[in-house]
Protein backbone atom coordinates (compact mmCIF):
# COMPACT_ATOMS: atom_id res chain seq x y z
CA MET A 1 14.26 5.25 35.26
CA THR A 2 10.68 5.21 34.05
CA SER A 3 8.11 7.28 35.89
CA PRO A 4 5.12 5.41 37.36
CA ALA A 5 2.76 7.36 35.08
CA ALA A 6 4.75 6.36 31.96
CA ALA A 7 4.90 2.74 33.09
CA THR A 8 1.12 2.52 33.49
CA ALA A 9 0.10 4.66 30.48
CA ARG A 10 -2.03 2.79 27.95
CA PRO A 11 -0.73 2.67 24.42
CA ALA A 12 -2.49 5.04 22.03
CA VAL A 13 -2.64 2.49 19.18
CA LEU A 14 -1.87 -1.23 18.91
CA SER A 15 1.60 -0.78 17.41
CA ASP A 16 2.71 1.19 20.48
CA LEU A 17 2.88 -2.17 22.25
CA ILE A 18 5.96 -3.11 20.18
CA PRO A 19 9.28 -2.11 21.84
CA GLY A 20 12.18 -0.30 20.11
CA ARG A 21 10.70 2.98 18.92
CA VAL A 22 12.80 4.05 15.90
CA ALA A 23 13.35 0.60 14.39
CA ARG A 24 9.72 -0.22 15.11
CA ASP A 25 8.47 2.92 13.38
CA VAL A 26 10.59 2.38 10.27
CA ALA A 27 9.51 -1.26 10.04
CA LEU A 28 5.85 -0.39 10.58
CA VAL A 29 5.84 2.36 7.93
CA ALA A 30 7.53 0.08 5.39
CA GLY A 31 5.27 -2.79 6.43
CA ALA A 32 2.13 -0.70 5.90
CA ALA A 33 3.28 0.19 2.38
CA VAL A 34 4.14 -3.44 1.56
CA LEU A 35 0.89 -4.75 3.06
CA THR A 36 -1.08 -2.30 0.93
CA GLY A 37 0.92 -3.31 -2.15
CA ILE A 38 0.19 -6.98 -1.48
CA ALA A 39 -3.49 -6.25 -0.82
CA ALA A 40 -3.64 -4.43 -4.17
CA GLN A 41 -2.72 -7.66 -5.91
CA ILE A 42 -5.96 -9.17 -4.63
CA SER A 43 -7.92 -7.35 -7.29
CA ILE A 44 -10.95 -8.27 -9.39
CA PRO A 45 -12.00 -6.17 -12.39
CA ILE A 46 -15.69 -5.26 -12.56
CA PRO A 47 -17.30 -4.99 -16.00
CA GLY A 48 -18.38 -1.45 -16.86
CA THR A 49 -16.09 0.37 -14.43
CA PRO A 50 -12.36 1.12 -14.43
CA VAL A 51 -12.29 0.63 -10.64
CA PRO A 52 -11.55 -2.94 -9.54
CA VAL A 53 -12.52 -4.56 -6.27
CA SER A 54 -9.37 -4.91 -4.18
CA MET A 55 -8.27 -5.45 -0.62
CA GLN A 56 -6.33 -2.16 -0.57
CA PRO A 57 -8.93 -0.19 1.42
CA PHE A 58 -9.01 -2.88 4.10
CA ALA A 59 -5.21 -2.78 4.44
CA VAL A 60 -5.24 1.04 4.52
CA LEU A 61 -7.92 1.29 7.19
CA LEU A 62 -6.37 -1.44 9.31
CA ALA A 63 -2.96 0.24 9.04
CA GLY A 64 -4.51 3.52 10.12
CA ALA A 65 -6.07 1.99 13.20
CA ALA A 66 -3.04 -0.08 14.17
CA LEU A 67 -0.32 2.49 13.49
CA GLY A 68 -1.88 5.83 14.36
CA PRO A 69 -2.07 8.89 12.12
CA VAL A 70 1.60 9.71 11.56
CA ARG A 71 2.98 6.25 10.87
CA ALA A 72 -0.06 5.21 8.81
CA ALA A 73 0.11 8.37 6.68
CA ALA A 74 3.85 7.83 6.18
CA GLY A 75 3.18 4.23 5.11
CA MET A 76 0.57 5.30 2.56
CA LEU A 77 2.79 8.11 1.25
CA LEU A 78 5.62 5.58 0.85
CA TYR A 79 3.22 3.26 -1.00
CA LEU A 80 2.19 6.16 -3.23
CA ALA A 81 5.76 7.33 -3.88
CA VAL A 82 7.09 3.87 -4.73
CA GLY A 83 4.13 3.22 -7.05
CA MET A 84 4.62 6.58 -8.77
CA ALA A 85 8.31 5.75 -9.20
CA GLY A 86 7.33 2.73 -11.28
CA MET A 87 6.80 -0.18 -8.90
CA PRO A 88 3.77 -2.02 -10.36
CA TRP A 89 2.07 -2.61 -7.03
CA PHE A 90 -1.13 -0.62 -7.44
CA ALA A 91 -4.28 -2.64 -8.22
CA GLU A 92 -4.06 -4.66 -11.42
CA GLY A 93 -0.26 -4.24 -11.48
CA ALA A 94 -0.46 -0.54 -12.30
CA SER A 95 2.04 2.19 -11.41
CA GLY A 96 2.32 5.93 -12.00
CA TRP A 97 -0.46 8.44 -11.69
CA GLY A 98 -2.17 8.45 -15.09
CA MET A 99 -4.95 6.00 -14.30
CA PRO A 100 -8.57 6.72 -13.42
CA THR A 101 -8.19 5.09 -9.99
CA PHE A 102 -5.26 7.22 -8.83
CA GLY A 103 -7.55 9.46 -6.75
CA TYR A 104 -8.45 6.48 -4.58
CA ILE A 105 -4.76 5.94 -3.91
CA LEU A 106 -4.45 9.60 -2.89
CA GLY A 107 -7.41 8.99 -0.61
CA PHE A 108 -5.50 6.21 1.14
CA ALA A 109 -3.20 8.70 2.89
CA ALA A 110 -6.16 10.81 4.01
CA ALA A 111 -8.10 7.75 5.19
CA ALA A 112 -5.15 6.26 7.07
CA THR A 113 -4.52 9.58 8.80
CA LEU A 114 -8.17 10.02 9.75
CA VAL A 115 -8.64 6.46 11.00
CA GLY A 116 -5.31 6.67 12.85
CA ALA A 117 -6.37 9.87 14.59
CA LEU A 118 -9.68 8.32 15.61
CA ALA A 119 -7.96 5.16 16.82
CA LYS A 120 -5.60 7.29 18.89
CA ARG A 121 -8.72 8.63 20.60
CA GLY A 122 -9.88 5.07 21.34
CA TRP A 123 -12.46 4.59 18.57
CA ASP A 124 -10.93 1.20 17.65
CA ARG A 125 -11.52 -0.27 21.10
CA SER A 126 -15.22 -0.90 20.57
CA ILE A 127 -17.23 -2.37 17.73
CA LEU A 128 -19.32 0.76 17.21
CA GLY A 129 -16.30 3.05 17.34
CA THR A 130 -14.43 0.88 14.86
CA VAL A 131 -17.39 0.86 12.48
CA GLY A 132 -17.59 4.66 12.70
CA ALA A 133 -13.86 5.17 12.14
CA MET A 134 -13.74 2.74 9.21
CA ALA A 135 -16.85 4.26 7.61
CA LEU A 136 -15.33 7.75 7.83
CA GLY A 137 -12.05 6.43 6.41
CA THR A 138 -13.91 4.81 3.52
CA LEU A 139 -15.68 8.11 2.83
CA ALA A 140 -12.27 9.85 2.74
CA ILE A 141 -11.11 7.40 0.06
CA TYR A 142 -14.26 8.06 -1.99
CA ALA A 143 -13.96 11.83 -1.46
CA LEU A 144 -10.67 11.87 -3.37
CA GLY A 145 -11.30 8.91 -5.66
CA VAL A 146 -14.57 10.03 -7.22
CA PRO A 147 -13.44 13.52 -8.33
CA TRP A 148 -10.26 12.03 -9.86
CA LEU A 149 -12.38 9.41 -11.63
CA MET A 150 -14.62 12.18 -12.99
CA GLY A 151 -11.69 14.29 -14.17
CA SER A 152 -9.78 11.47 -15.80
CA THR A 153 -12.73 9.87 -17.58
CA GLY A 154 -15.11 12.77 -18.21
CA MET A 155 -17.87 11.08 -16.18
CA ASP A 156 -20.48 13.27 -14.51
CA LEU A 157 -20.99 12.95 -10.76
CA GLY A 158 -23.92 10.51 -11.02
CA THR A 159 -22.03 8.19 -13.35
CA ALA A 160 -18.86 8.38 -11.23
CA LEU A 161 -20.84 7.46 -8.12
CA ALA A 162 -22.57 4.62 -9.98
CA LYS A 163 -19.26 3.23 -11.26
CA GLY A 164 -16.85 4.26 -8.50
CA VAL A 165 -18.86 3.88 -5.29
CA VAL A 166 -22.08 1.88 -5.60
CA PRO A 167 -20.51 -1.42 -6.77
CA PHE A 168 -18.21 -1.38 -3.73
CA LEU A 169 -20.62 -0.58 -0.90
CA VAL A 170 -21.41 -4.18 0.08
CA GLY A 171 -17.73 -5.19 -0.03
CA ASP A 172 -16.74 -2.12 1.98
CA ALA A 173 -19.41 -2.94 4.56
CA LEU A 174 -17.99 -6.46 4.88
CA LYS A 175 -14.44 -5.08 5.28
CA ILE A 176 -15.67 -2.68 7.97
CA ALA A 177 -17.45 -5.54 9.77
CA LEU A 178 -14.27 -7.62 9.67
CA ALA A 179 -12.23 -4.75 11.10
CA ALA A 180 -14.89 -4.20 13.77
CA GLY A 181 -14.30 -7.77 14.90
CA ILE A 182 -10.50 -7.71 14.68
CA LEU A 183 -9.55 -4.44 16.36
CA PRO A 184 -11.61 -4.59 19.57
CA ALA A 185 -10.62 -8.25 19.92
CA ALA A 186 -6.94 -7.33 19.58
CA TRP A 187 -7.31 -4.69 22.30
CA PHE A 188 -9.09 -7.21 24.52
CA LEU A 189 -6.33 -9.80 24.02
CA THR A 190 -3.53 -7.30 24.67
CA SER A 191 -5.21 -6.07 27.85
CA ARG A 192 -5.06 -9.64 29.20
CA ARG A 193 -1.27 -9.86 28.83
CA PRO A 194 0.60 -10.42 32.11
């Protein structure tokens, strides 16, 4: 029998609304990895930088908010492990760890965990909170991506920022704006369920 408090407790993140805990968690972790792999295939090279524009960060941040910190981190670690094992599902069909963009992929696990933790605290239920969570998650990706880019290419910090951050700021802002529309709307729609 379910206690009245458990029956009325609000879900911490959107995926908690799905019944069947263990099967749900396995499917969500695998789904987050696959979604990120698919998003990586939407990739456009930019002249002058080894970092392409891709939809990976959007998938990562959305997975973090929807799945919470543990499942989202597990999904990104699965994505990382499968890609390191040779599955060519990183951006531009890459795999392994010997590419200049690998630090960004490492940042995905940190970003998903951070955004998931903030979503668990309700940041994804408002537009401003979602913008804040997604901006912090994006910074986490850059925090690991830029040093790896510097180390693997010999770029100095200014050059790495110019080639590994600046060209992506407008696109990242658009992805954050999209998430800021999707997540609060999803919470609103789920709160209206009978």
